[in-house]
Amino acid sequence: MKIALVGTGFVADYYMTTLANHPALSLAGAWDRDAARLEGFSGFHNVPAYPDLDALLADPTVGIVVNLTTPESHYEITSRA
């Protein structure tokens, strides 16, 4: 199953270190509202970056959206997903 990460802060780095332990999951890509943070994360982990949240949510290959945003953003992101 393909997953996509929303939020590429330090918690996303933890997820990347454990993703290999879950061979049934593969990462479709990531998005972050902070373009510089997204660029750094995507470059470091060699992960595709979505241009915006709408593109991530519209990706038909994504089965799970992993919401790694700040707690105050959880409702908005999760309800859209």
PDB file of N, CA and C in Angstrom:
ATOM      1  N   MET A   1       0.840  -1.170   0.000  1.00  0.00           N
ATOM      2  CA  MET A   1       0.000   0.000   0.000  1.00  0.00           C
ATOM      3  C   MET A   1       0.888   1.237   0.000  1.00  0.00           C
ATOM      4  N   LYS A   2       0.488   2.214  -0.775  1.00  0.00           N
ATOM      5  CA  LYS A   2       1.241   3.467  -0.833  1.00  0.00           C
ATOM      6  C   LYS A   2       0.731   4.449   0.208  1.00  0.00           C
ATOM      7  N   ILE A   3       1.699   5.121   0.841  1.00  0.00           N
ATOM      8  CA  ILE A   3       1.372   6.149   1.813  1.00  0.00           C
ATOM      9  C   ILE A   3       1.970   7.468   1.359  1.00  0.00           C
ATOM     10  N   ALA A   4       1.433   8.554   1.889  1.00  0.00           N
ATOM     11  CA  ALA A   4       1.974   9.888   1.626  1.00  0.00           C
ATOM     12  C   ALA A   4       2.070  10.612   2.965  1.00  0.00           C
ATOM     13  N   LEU A   5       3.155  11.336   3.156  1.00  0.00           N
ATOM     14  CA  LEU A   5       3.383  12.081   4.387  1.00  0.00           C
ATOM     15  C   LEU A   5       2.990  13.539   4.211  1.00  0.00           C
ATOM     16  N   VAL A   6       2.228  14.057   5.160  1.00  0.00           N
ATOM     17  CA  VAL A   6       1.919  15.480   5.220  1.00  0.00           C
ATOM     18  C   VAL A   6       2.653  16.003   6.449  1.00  0.00           C
ATOM     19  N   GLY A   7       3.635  16.840   6.206  1.00  0.00           N
ATOM     20  CA  GLY A   7       4.493  17.337   7.273  1.00  0.00           C
ATOM     21  C   GLY A   7       5.829  16.631   7.208  1.00  0.00           C
ATOM     22  N   THR A   8       6.891  17.402   7.082  1.00  0.00           N
ATOM     23  CA  THR A   8       8.221  16.796   6.921  1.00  0.00           C
ATOM     24  C   THR A   8       9.203  17.277   7.990  1.00  0.00           C
ATOM     25  N   GLY A   9       8.695  17.498   9.185  1.00  0.00           N
ATOM     26  CA  GLY A   9       9.554  17.867  10.301  1.00  0.00           C
ATOM     27  C   GLY A   9      10.261  16.648  10.868  1.00  0.00           C
ATOM     28  N   PHE A  10      10.751  16.778  12.091  1.00  0.00           N
ATOM     29  CA  PHE A  10      11.572  15.710  12.673  1.00  0.00           C
ATOM     30  C   PHE A  10      10.817  14.393  12.838  1.00  0.00           C
ATOM     31  N   VAL A  11       9.504  14.432  13.035  1.00  0.00           N
ATOM     32  CA  VAL A  11       8.741  13.188  13.170  1.00  0.00           C
ATOM     33  C   VAL A  11       8.758  12.409  11.849  1.00  0.00           C
ATOM     34  N   ALA A  12       8.729  13.105  10.742  1.00  0.00           N
ATOM     35  CA  ALA A  12       8.801  12.442   9.439  1.00  0.00           C
ATOM     36  C   ALA A  12      10.129  11.697   9.279  1.00  0.00           C
ATOM     37  N   ASP A  13      11.197  12.261   9.812  1.00  0.00           N
ATOM     38  CA  ASP A  13      12.490  11.562   9.770  1.00  0.00           C
ATOM     39  C   ASP A  13      12.419  10.250  10.538  1.00  0.00           C
ATOM     40  N   TYR A  14      11.737  10.235  11.691  1.00  0.00           N
ATOM     41  CA  TYR A  14      11.558   8.987  12.440  1.00  0.00           C
ATOM     42  C   TYR A  14      10.795   7.962  11.623  1.00  0.00           C
ATOM     43  N   TYR A  15       9.751   8.405  10.954  1.00  0.00           N
ATOM     44  CA  TYR A  15       8.987   7.495  10.105  1.00  0.00           C
ATOM     45  C   TYR A  15       9.864   6.908   9.006  1.00  0.00           C
ATOM     46  N   MET A  16      10.712   7.713   8.435  1.00  0.00           N
ATOM     47  CA  MET A  16      11.589   7.228   7.363  1.00  0.00           C
ATOM     48  C   MET A  16      12.555   6.159   7.868  1.00  0.00           C
ATOM     49  N   THR A  17      13.008   6.281   9.118  1.00  0.00           N
ATOM     50  CA  THR A  17      13.953   5.284   9.638  1.00  0.00           C
ATOM     51  C   THR A  17      13.271   3.941   9.889  1.00  0.00           C
ATOM     52  N   THR A  18      11.956   3.932  10.076  1.00  0.00           N
ATOM     53  CA  THR A  18      11.259   2.680  10.361  1.00  0.00           C
ATOM     54  C   THR A  18      10.456   2.146   9.177  1.00  0.00           C
ATOM     55  N   LEU A  19      10.367   2.891   8.109  1.00  0.00           N
ATOM     56  CA  LEU A  19       9.573   2.455   6.950  1.00  0.00           C
ATOM     57  C   LEU A  19      10.061   1.113   6.400  1.00  0.00           C
ATOM     58  N   ALA A  20      11.341   0.879   6.447  1.00  0.00           N
ATOM     59  CA  ALA A  20      11.890  -0.387   5.938  1.00  0.00           C
ATOM     60  C   ALA A  20      11.387  -1.591   6.731  1.00  0.00           C
ATOM     61  N   ASN A  21      10.939  -1.363   7.952  1.00  0.00           N
ATOM     62  CA  ASN A  21      10.410  -2.454   8.777  1.00  0.00           C
ATOM     63  C   ASN A  21       9.000  -2.869   8.358  1.00  0.00           C
ATOM     64  N   HIS A  22       8.424  -2.167   7.412  1.00  0.00           N
ATOM     65  CA  HIS A  22       7.055  -2.421   6.966  1.00  0.00           C
ATOM     66  C   HIS A  22       7.035  -2.602   5.447  1.00  0.00           C
ATOM     67  N   PRO A  23       7.469  -3.763   4.978  1.00  0.00           N
ATOM     68  CA  PRO A  23       7.600  -3.971   3.525  1.00  0.00           C
ATOM     69  C   PRO A  23       6.298  -3.862   2.747  1.00  0.00           C
ATOM     70  N   ALA A  24       5.166  -3.936   3.422  1.00  0.00           N
ATOM     71  CA  ALA A  24       3.884  -3.805   2.718  1.00  0.00           C
ATOM     72  C   ALA A  24       3.573  -2.361   2.367  1.00  0.00           C
ATOM     73  N   LEU A  25       4.345  -1.421   2.937  1.00  0.00           N
ATOM     74  CA  LEU A  25       4.119   0.003   2.680  1.00  0.00           C
ATOM     75  C   LEU A  25       5.213   0.564   1.790  1.00  0.00           C
ATOM     76  N   SER A  26       4.821   1.463   0.911  1.00  0.00           N
ATOM     77  CA  SER A  26       5.802   2.207   0.113  1.00  0.00           C
ATOM     78  C   SER A  26       5.386   3.674   0.112  1.00  0.00           C
ATOM     79  N   LEU A  27       6.371   4.531   0.042  1.00  0.00           N
ATOM     80  CA  LEU A  27       6.117   5.964   0.139  1.00  0.00           C
ATOM     81  C   LEU A  27       5.910   6.566  -1.246  1.00  0.00           C
ATOM     82  N   ALA A  28       4.728   7.118  -1.457  1.00  0.00           N
ATOM     83  CA  ALA A  28       4.413   7.771  -2.732  1.00  0.00           C
ATOM     84  C   ALA A  28       5.049   9.152  -2.799  1.00  0.00           C
ATOM     85  N   GLY A  29       5.119   9.840  -1.654  1.00  0.00           N
ATOM     86  CA  GLY A  29       5.684  11.179  -1.638  1.00  0.00           C
ATOM     87  C   GLY A  29       5.316  11.910  -0.365  1.00  0.00           C
ATOM     88  N   ALA A  30       5.692  13.178  -0.328  1.00  0.00           N
ATOM     89  CA  ALA A  30       5.466  13.998   0.855  1.00  0.00           C
ATOM     90  C   ALA A  30       5.133  15.422   0.446  1.00  0.00           C
ATOM     91  N   TRP A  31       4.519  16.139   1.374  1.00  0.00           N
ATOM     92  CA  TRP A  31       4.247  17.554   1.191  1.00  0.00           C
ATOM     93  C   TRP A  31       4.379  18.253   2.532  1.00  0.00           C
ATOM     94  N   ASP A  32       4.816  19.496   2.495  1.00  0.00           N
ATOM     95  CA  ASP A  32       4.895  20.342   3.676  1.00  0.00           C
ATOM     96  C   ASP A  32       4.608  21.769   3.231  1.00  0.00           C
ATOM     97  N   ARG A  33       3.930  22.526   4.092  1.00  0.00           N
ATOM     98  CA  ARG A  33       3.633  23.921   3.728  1.00  0.00           C
ATOM     99  C   ARG A  33       4.892  24.773   3.694  1.00  0.00           C
ATOM    100  N   ASP A  34       5.951  24.312   4.355  1.00  0.00           N
ATOM    101  CA  ASP A  34       7.244  24.994   4.340  1.00  0.00           C
ATOM    102  C   ASP A  34       8.071  24.419   3.193  1.00  0.00           C
ATOM    103  N   ALA A  35       8.165  25.148   2.097  1.00  0.00           N
ATOM    104  CA  ALA A  35       8.824  24.644   0.884  1.00  0.00           C
ATOM    105  C   ALA A  35      10.282  24.278   1.119  1.00  0.00           C
ATOM    106  N   ALA A  36      10.989  25.048   1.923  1.00  0.00           N
ATOM    107  CA  ALA A  36      12.405  24.757   2.189  1.00  0.00           C
ATOM    108  C   ALA A  36      12.545  23.455   2.979  1.00  0.00           C
ATOM    109  N   ARG A  37      11.686  23.256   3.951  1.00  0.00           N
ATOM    110  CA  ARG A  37      11.740  22.017   4.741  1.00  0.00           C
ATOM    111  C   ARG A  37      11.403  20.821   3.861  1.00  0.00           C
ATOM    112  N   LEU A  38      10.395  20.960   2.998  1.00  0.00           N
ATOM    113  CA  LEU A  38      10.035  19.887   2.073  1.00  0.00           C
ATOM    114  C   LEU A  38      11.196  19.566   1.149  1.00  0.00           C
ATOM    115  N   GLU A  39      11.826  20.583   0.613  1.00  0.00           N
ATOM    116  CA  GLU A  39      12.956  20.367  -0.288  1.00  0.00           C
ATOM    117  C   GLU A  39      14.092  19.634   0.415  1.00  0.00           C
ATOM    118  N   GLY A  40      14.408  20.041   1.632  1.00  0.00           N
ATOM    119  CA  GLY A  40      15.469  19.382   2.384  1.00  0.00           C
ATOM    120  C   GLY A  40      15.146  17.929   2.688  1.00  0.00           C
ATOM    121  N   PHE A  41      13.920  17.678   3.123  1.00  0.00           N
ATOM    122  CA  PHE A  41      13.480  16.314   3.437  1.00  0.00           C
ATOM    123  C   PHE A  41      13.500  15.441   2.188  1.00  0.00           C
ATOM    124  N   SER A  42      12.902  15.934   1.125  1.00  0.00           N
ATOM    125  CA  SER A  42      12.813  15.167  -0.125  1.00  0.00           C
ATOM    126  C   SER A  42      14.191  14.860  -0.698  1.00  0.00           C
ATOM    127  N   GLY A  43      15.068  15.841  -0.640  1.00  0.00           N
ATOM    128  CA  GLY A  43      16.420  15.623  -1.147  1.00  0.00           C
ATOM    129  C   GLY A  43      17.199  14.633  -0.306  1.00  0.00           C
ATOM    130  N   PHE A  44      17.107  14.770   0.999  1.00  0.00           N
ATOM    131  CA  PHE A  44      17.857  13.895   1.904  1.00  0.00           C
ATOM    132  C   PHE A  44      17.382  12.453   1.806  1.00  0.00           C
ATOM    133  N   HIS A  45      16.064  12.255   1.761  1.00  0.00           N
ATOM    134  CA  HIS A  45      15.505  10.900   1.749  1.00  0.00           C
ATOM    135  C   HIS A  45      15.196  10.391   0.343  1.00  0.00           C
ATOM    136  N   ASN A  46      15.453  11.211  -0.674  1.00  0.00           N
ATOM    137  CA  ASN A  46      15.160  10.835  -2.060  1.00  0.00           C
ATOM    138  C   ASN A  46      13.683  10.448  -2.220  1.00  0.00           C
ATOM    139  N   VAL A  47      12.821  11.356  -1.780  1.00  0.00           N
ATOM    140  CA  VAL A  47      11.375  11.146  -1.778  1.00  0.00           C
ATOM    141  C   VAL A  47      10.734  12.152  -2.728  1.00  0.00           C
ATOM    142  N   PRO A  48       9.776  11.735  -3.551  1.00  0.00           N
ATOM    143  CA  PRO A  48       9.066  12.693  -4.389  1.00  0.00           C
ATOM    144  C   PRO A  48       8.310  13.716  -3.535  1.00  0.00           C
ATOM    145  N   ALA A  49       8.311  14.949  -3.981  1.00  0.00           N
ATOM    146  CA  ALA A  49       7.601  16.024  -3.289  1.00  0.00           C
ATOM    147  C   ALA A  49       6.360  16.408  -4.088  1.00  0.00           C
ATOM    148  N   TYR A  50       5.229  16.458  -3.409  1.00  0.00           N
ATOM    149  CA  TYR A  50       4.011  16.950  -4.050  1.00  0.00           C
ATOM    150  C   TYR A  50       4.069  18.475  -4.087  1.00  0.00           C
ATOM    151  N   PRO A  51       3.556  19.094  -5.131  1.00  0.00           N
ATOM    152  CA  PRO A  51       3.606  20.551  -5.233  1.00  0.00           C
ATOM    153  C   PRO A  51       2.691  21.264  -4.243  1.00  0.00           C
ATOM    154  N   ASP A  52       1.614  20.557  -3.825  1.00  0.00           N
ATOM    155  CA  ASP A  52       0.686  21.135  -2.857  1.00  0.00           C
ATOM    156  C   ASP A  52      -0.148  20.011  -2.246  1.00  0.00           C
ATOM    157  N   LEU A  53      -0.885  20.357  -1.208  1.00  0.00           N
ATOM    158  CA  LEU A  53      -1.700  19.365  -0.513  1.00  0.00           C
ATOM    159  C   LEU A  53      -2.770  18.790  -1.425  1.00  0.00           C
ATOM    160  N   ASP A  54      -3.346  19.611  -2.273  1.00  0.00           N
ATOM    161  CA  ASP A  54      -4.389  19.124  -3.185  1.00  0.00           C
ATOM    162  C   ASP A  54      -3.862  18.013  -4.085  1.00  0.00           C
ATOM    163  N   ALA A  55      -2.640  18.157  -4.569  1.00  0.00           N
ATOM    164  CA  ALA A  55      -2.055  17.134  -5.439  1.00  0.00           C
ATOM    165  C   ALA A  55      -1.845  15.831  -4.676  1.00  0.00           C
ATOM    166  N   LEU A  56      -1.391  15.930  -3.439  1.00  0.00           N
ATOM    167  CA  LEU A  56      -1.205  14.738  -2.615  1.00  0.00           C
ATOM    168  C   LEU A  56      -2.545  14.039  -2.407  1.00  0.00           C
ATOM    169  N   LEU A  57      -3.566  14.797  -2.018  1.00  0.00           N
ATOM    170  CA  LEU A  57      -4.872  14.217  -1.746  1.00  0.00           C
ATOM    171  C   LEU A  57      -5.547  13.670  -2.995  1.00  0.00           C
ATOM    172  N   ALA A  58      -5.185  14.181  -4.157  1.00  0.00           N
ATOM    173  CA  ALA A  58      -5.779  13.722  -5.415  1.00  0.00           C
ATOM    174  C   ALA A  58      -5.064  12.513  -6.010  1.00  0.00           C
ATOM    175  N   ASP A  59      -3.932  12.133  -5.451  1.00  0.00           N
ATOM    176  CA  ASP A  59      -3.155  11.015  -5.988  1.00  0.00           C
ATOM    177  C   ASP A  59      -3.922   9.704  -5.756  1.00  0.00           C
ATOM    178  N   PRO A  60      -4.392   9.066  -6.817  1.00  0.00           N
ATOM    179  CA  PRO A  60      -5.199   7.857  -6.652  1.00  0.00           C
ATOM    180  C   PRO A  60      -4.407   6.647  -6.164  1.00  0.00           C
ATOM    181  N   THR A  61      -3.084   6.731  -6.196  1.00  0.00           N
ATOM    182  CA  THR A  61      -2.271   5.601  -5.734  1.00  0.00           C
ATOM    183  C   THR A  61      -2.096   5.596  -4.221  1.00  0.00           C
ATOM    184  N   VAL A  62      -2.417   6.698  -3.557  1.00  0.00           N
ATOM    185  CA  VAL A  62      -2.211   6.805  -2.115  1.00  0.00           C
ATOM    186  C   VAL A  62      -3.383   6.179  -1.363  1.00  0.00           C
ATOM    187  N   GLY A  63      -3.061   5.203  -0.510  1.00  0.00           N
ATOM    188  CA  GLY A  63      -4.086   4.551   0.297  1.00  0.00           C
ATOM    189  C   GLY A  63      -4.157   5.079   1.716  1.00  0.00           C
ATOM    190  N   ILE A  64      -3.056   5.652   2.195  1.00  0.00           N
ATOM    191  CA  ILE A  64      -2.990   6.181   3.556  1.00  0.00           C
ATOM    192  C   ILE A  64      -2.293   7.529   3.530  1.00  0.00           C
ATOM    193  N   VAL A  65      -2.916   8.525   4.139  1.00  0.00           N
ATOM    194  CA  VAL A  65      -2.297   9.830   4.335  1.00  0.00           C
ATOM    195  C   VAL A  65      -1.845   9.880   5.796  1.00  0.00           C
ATOM    196  N   VAL A  66      -0.550  10.041   5.999  1.00  0.00           N
ATOM    197  CA  VAL A  66       0.018  10.098   7.341  1.00  0.00           C
ATOM    198  C   VAL A  66       0.165  11.575   7.713  1.00  0.00           C
ATOM    199  N   ASN A  67      -0.613  11.997   8.694  1.00  0.00           N
ATOM    200  CA  ASN A  67      -0.652  13.399   9.100  1.00  0.00           C
ATOM    201  C   ASN A  67       0.382  13.649  10.196  1.00  0.00           C
ATOM    202  N   LEU A  68       1.498  14.245   9.823  1.00  0.00           N
ATOM    203  CA  LEU A  68       2.583  14.525  10.757  1.00  0.00           C
ATOM    204  C   LEU A  68       2.726  16.017  11.010  1.00  0.00           C
ATOM    205  N   THR A  69       1.625  16.720  10.917  1.00  0.00           N
ATOM    206  CA  THR A  69       1.624  18.160  11.126  1.00  0.00           C
ATOM    207  C   THR A  69       1.527  18.472  12.626  1.00  0.00           C
ATOM    208  N   THR A  70       1.590  19.745  12.945  1.00  0.00           N
ATOM    209  CA  THR A  70       1.437  20.165  14.331  1.00  0.00           C
ATOM    210  C   THR A  70       0.011  19.875  14.791  1.00  0.00           C
ATOM    211  N   PRO A  71      -0.195  19.670  16.096  1.00  0.00           N
ATOM    212  CA  PRO A  71      -1.534  19.319  16.585  1.00  0.00           C
ATOM    213  C   PRO A  71      -2.620  20.304  16.156  1.00  0.00           C
ATOM    214  N   GLU A  72      -2.311  21.581  16.093  1.00  0.00           N
ATOM    215  CA  GLU A  72      -3.340  22.542  15.710  1.00  0.00           C
ATOM    216  C   GLU A  72      -3.742  22.439  14.232  1.00  0.00           C
ATOM    217  N   SER A  73      -2.963  21.724  13.438  1.00  0.00           N
ATOM    218  CA  SER A  73      -3.294  21.527  12.025  1.00  0.00           C
ATOM    219  C   SER A  73      -3.961  20.184  11.757  1.00  0.00           C
ATOM    220  N   HIS A  74      -3.992  19.301  12.744  1.00  0.00           N
ATOM    221  CA  HIS A  74      -4.491  17.945  12.523  1.00  0.00           C
ATOM    222  C   HIS A  74      -5.921  17.912  11.988  1.00  0.00           C
ATOM    223  N   TYR A  75      -6.815  18.674  12.585  1.00  0.00           N
ATOM    224  CA  TYR A  75      -8.208  18.587  12.166  1.00  0.00           C
ATOM    225  C   TYR A  75      -8.379  18.962  10.697  1.00  0.00           C
ATOM    226  N   GLU A  76      -7.797  20.074  10.299  1.00  0.00           N
ATOM    227  CA  GLU A  76      -7.941  20.526   8.912  1.00  0.00           C
ATOM    228  C   GLU A  76      -7.407  19.490   7.929  1.00  0.00           C
ATOM    229  N   ILE A  77      -6.206  18.990   8.186  1.00  0.00           N
ATOM    230  CA  ILE A  77      -5.580  18.034   7.269  1.00  0.00           C
ATOM    231  C   ILE A  77      -6.351  16.722   7.266  1.00  0.00           C
ATOM    232  N   THR A  78      -6.651  16.208   8.442  1.00  0.00           N
ATOM    233  CA  THR A  78      -7.322  14.911   8.538  1.00  0.00           C
ATOM    234  C   THR A  78      -8.718  14.967   7.931  1.00  0.00           C
ATOM    235  N   SER A  79      -9.447  16.036   8.155  1.00  0.00           N
ATOM    236  CA  SER A  79     -10.798  16.128   7.584  1.00  0.00           C
ATOM    237  C   SER A  79     -10.733  16.217   6.060  1.00  0.00           C
ATOM    238  N   ARG A  80      -9.724  16.878   5.526  1.00  0.00           N
ATOM    239  CA  ARG A  80      -9.581  16.937   4.065  1.00  0.00           C
ATOM    240  C   ARG A  80      -9.194  15.579   3.490  1.00  0.00           C
ATOM    241  N   ALA A  81      -8.378  14.865   4.216  1.00  0.00           N
ATOM    242  CA  ALA A  81      -7.938  13.533   3.736  1.00  0.00           C
ATOM    243  C   ALA A  81      -9.115  12.554   3.760  1.00  0.00           C
TER     244      ALA A  81
END
